[in-house]
Amino acid sequence: MAALIARDTGVEPDVIEGARGEFSIRVGGQVVASKDKRGFPDEAEVLAQVKQALGG
């Protein structure tokens, strides 16, 4: 996911290991996508949320 975000936004994300089973994407300290009871978020959804949080 980090490589996909970097490729599509030009921003190199910091990857921080979380607790087992935890997955979240933060932009500016705010969670924009995360794993929930349905599982991992769709890649297209994550990219859209990241781009929106980056202002574009």
N, C-alpha and C. Protein backbone atom coordinates (compact mmCIF):
# COMPACT_ATOMS: atom_id res chain seq x y z
N MET A 1 0.83 -1.18 0.00
CA MET A 1 0.00 0.00 0.00
C MET A 1 0.88 1.25 0.00
N ALA A 2 1.97 1.23 0.76
CA ALA A 2 2.85 2.40 0.82
C ALA A 2 3.40 2.74 -0.56
N ALA A 3 3.81 1.72 -1.32
CA ALA A 3 4.34 1.96 -2.66
C ALA A 3 3.27 2.53 -3.59
N LEU A 4 2.05 2.05 -3.46
CA LEU A 4 0.94 2.55 -4.27
C LEU A 4 0.66 4.02 -3.95
N ILE A 5 0.65 4.36 -2.68
CA ILE A 5 0.43 5.75 -2.27
C ILE A 5 1.54 6.64 -2.80
N ALA A 6 2.78 6.19 -2.68
CA ALA A 6 3.92 6.97 -3.16
C ALA A 6 3.83 7.19 -4.66
N ARG A 7 3.50 6.13 -5.39
CA ARG A 7 3.42 6.23 -6.86
C ARG A 7 2.31 7.17 -7.31
N ASP A 8 1.15 7.07 -6.67
CA ASP A 8 -0.01 7.84 -7.12
C ASP A 8 -0.10 9.25 -6.56
N THR A 9 0.60 9.54 -5.47
CA THR A 9 0.51 10.88 -4.88
C THR A 9 1.82 11.64 -4.91
N GLY A 10 2.93 10.93 -5.09
CA GLY A 10 4.24 11.58 -5.05
C GLY A 10 4.73 11.83 -3.64
N VAL A 11 3.98 11.36 -2.65
CA VAL A 11 4.35 11.52 -1.25
C VAL A 11 4.85 10.18 -0.73
N GLU A 12 6.04 10.17 -0.15
CA GLU A 12 6.61 8.94 0.40
C GLU A 12 6.10 8.75 1.82
N PRO A 13 5.25 7.75 2.05
CA PRO A 13 4.67 7.57 3.39
C PRO A 13 5.67 6.95 4.38
N ASP A 14 5.49 7.26 5.64
CA ASP A 14 6.21 6.59 6.71
C ASP A 14 5.41 5.36 7.09
N VAL A 15 6.08 4.22 7.16
CA VAL A 15 5.42 2.98 7.55
C VAL A 15 5.80 2.69 9.00
N ILE A 16 4.79 2.62 9.84
CA ILE A 16 5.00 2.38 11.27
C ILE A 16 4.27 1.10 11.64
N GLU A 17 5.01 0.17 12.23
CA GLU A 17 4.41 -1.10 12.62
C GLU A 17 3.45 -0.88 13.78
N GLY A 18 2.26 -1.41 13.64
CA GLY A 18 1.23 -1.31 14.68
C GLY A 18 1.06 -2.63 15.40
N ALA A 19 0.01 -2.71 16.18
CA ALA A 19 -0.31 -3.95 16.88
C ALA A 19 -0.72 -5.01 15.86
N ARG A 20 -0.66 -6.24 16.25
CA ARG A 20 -1.04 -7.34 15.36
C ARG A 20 -2.49 -7.15 14.88
N GLY A 21 -2.68 -7.18 13.57
CA GLY A 21 -4.00 -7.04 12.98
C GLY A 21 -4.45 -5.61 12.77
N GLU A 22 -3.65 -4.66 13.22
CA GLU A 22 -4.02 -3.24 13.09
C GLU A 22 -3.55 -2.73 11.73
N PHE A 23 -4.37 -1.94 11.07
CA PHE A 23 -4.02 -1.34 9.79
C PHE A 23 -4.76 -0.02 9.69
N SER A 24 -4.02 1.06 9.60
CA SER A 24 -4.66 2.36 9.40
C SER A 24 -3.73 3.25 8.60
N ILE A 25 -4.35 4.16 7.86
CA ILE A 25 -3.64 5.14 7.06
C ILE A 25 -3.96 6.50 7.67
N ARG A 26 -2.92 7.25 8.01
CA ARG A 26 -3.11 8.58 8.60
C ARG A 26 -2.47 9.63 7.71
N VAL A 27 -3.13 10.75 7.60
CA VAL A 27 -2.59 11.90 6.90
C VAL A 27 -2.69 13.06 7.86
N GLY A 28 -1.56 13.64 8.20
CA GLY A 28 -1.56 14.74 9.16
C GLY A 28 -2.09 14.34 10.53
N GLY A 29 -1.88 13.09 10.92
CA GLY A 29 -2.35 12.61 12.21
C GLY A 29 -3.79 12.16 12.25
N GLN A 30 -4.52 12.34 11.17
CA GLN A 30 -5.93 11.96 11.10
C GLN A 30 -6.08 10.66 10.32
N VAL A 31 -6.83 9.69 10.87
CA VAL A 31 -7.06 8.42 10.19
C VAL A 31 -8.00 8.66 9.00
N VAL A 32 -7.53 8.27 7.81
CA VAL A 32 -8.36 8.44 6.61
C VAL A 32 -8.86 7.10 6.06
N ALA A 33 -8.24 6.00 6.50
CA ALA A 33 -8.69 4.66 6.10
C ALA A 33 -8.16 3.67 7.12
N SER A 34 -8.95 2.62 7.38
CA SER A 34 -8.49 1.61 8.33
C SER A 34 -9.19 0.28 8.09
N LYS A 35 -8.59 -0.77 8.62
CA LYS A 35 -9.19 -2.09 8.58
C LYS A 35 -10.36 -2.11 9.55
N ASP A 36 -11.45 -2.73 9.14
CA ASP A 36 -12.60 -2.83 10.02
C ASP A 36 -13.14 -4.26 9.98
N LYS A 37 -14.35 -4.46 10.44
CA LYS A 37 -14.92 -5.81 10.51
C LYS A 37 -15.06 -6.45 9.12
N ARG A 38 -15.11 -5.64 8.06
CA ARG A 38 -15.18 -6.15 6.69
C ARG A 38 -13.80 -6.54 6.17
N GLY A 39 -12.75 -6.10 6.83
CA GLY A 39 -11.39 -6.40 6.40
C GLY A 39 -10.66 -5.14 5.96
N PHE A 40 -9.70 -5.33 5.08
CA PHE A 40 -8.89 -4.21 4.61
C PHE A 40 -9.68 -3.34 3.64
N PRO A 41 -9.42 -2.05 3.66
CA PRO A 41 -10.12 -1.16 2.72
C PRO A 41 -9.63 -1.40 1.29
N ASP A 42 -10.47 -1.10 0.34
CA ASP A 42 -10.16 -1.20 -1.08
C ASP A 42 -9.05 -0.20 -1.43
N GLU A 43 -8.11 -0.60 -2.28
CA GLU A 43 -7.00 0.28 -2.65
C GLU A 43 -7.48 1.59 -3.26
N ALA A 44 -8.47 1.53 -4.14
CA ALA A 44 -8.99 2.75 -4.77
C ALA A 44 -9.59 3.68 -3.73
N GLU A 45 -10.28 3.11 -2.75
CA GLU A 45 -10.87 3.91 -1.68
C GLU A 45 -9.79 4.58 -0.84
N VAL A 46 -8.73 3.82 -0.53
CA VAL A 46 -7.63 4.39 0.25
C VAL A 46 -6.99 5.56 -0.51
N LEU A 47 -6.70 5.35 -1.78
CA LEU A 47 -6.07 6.42 -2.57
C LEU A 47 -6.94 7.65 -2.64
N ALA A 48 -8.23 7.46 -2.83
CA ALA A 48 -9.15 8.61 -2.88
C ALA A 48 -9.14 9.37 -1.56
N GLN A 49 -9.16 8.66 -0.44
CA GLN A 49 -9.17 9.30 0.86
C GLN A 49 -7.85 10.03 1.13
N VAL A 50 -6.74 9.41 0.75
CA VAL A 50 -5.43 10.05 0.95
C VAL A 50 -5.34 11.31 0.11
N LYS A 51 -5.72 11.22 -1.16
CA LYS A 51 -5.66 12.39 -2.04
C LYS A 51 -6.55 13.52 -1.52
N GLN A 52 -7.73 13.18 -1.05
CA GLN A 52 -8.63 14.19 -0.51
C GLN A 52 -8.00 14.86 0.72
N ALA A 53 -7.40 14.06 1.60
CA ALA A 53 -6.77 14.61 2.81
C ALA A 53 -5.56 15.47 2.47
N LEU A 54 -4.90 15.16 1.36
CA LEU A 54 -3.75 15.97 0.94
C LEU A 54 -4.18 17.25 0.22
N GLY A 55 -5.47 17.37 -0.01
CA GLY A 55 -5.97 18.58 -0.64
C GLY A 55 -6.09 18.49 -2.15
N GLY A 56 -6.18 17.30 -2.67
CA GLY A 56 -6.27 17.19 -4.11
C GLY A 56 -7.07 16.04 -4.48
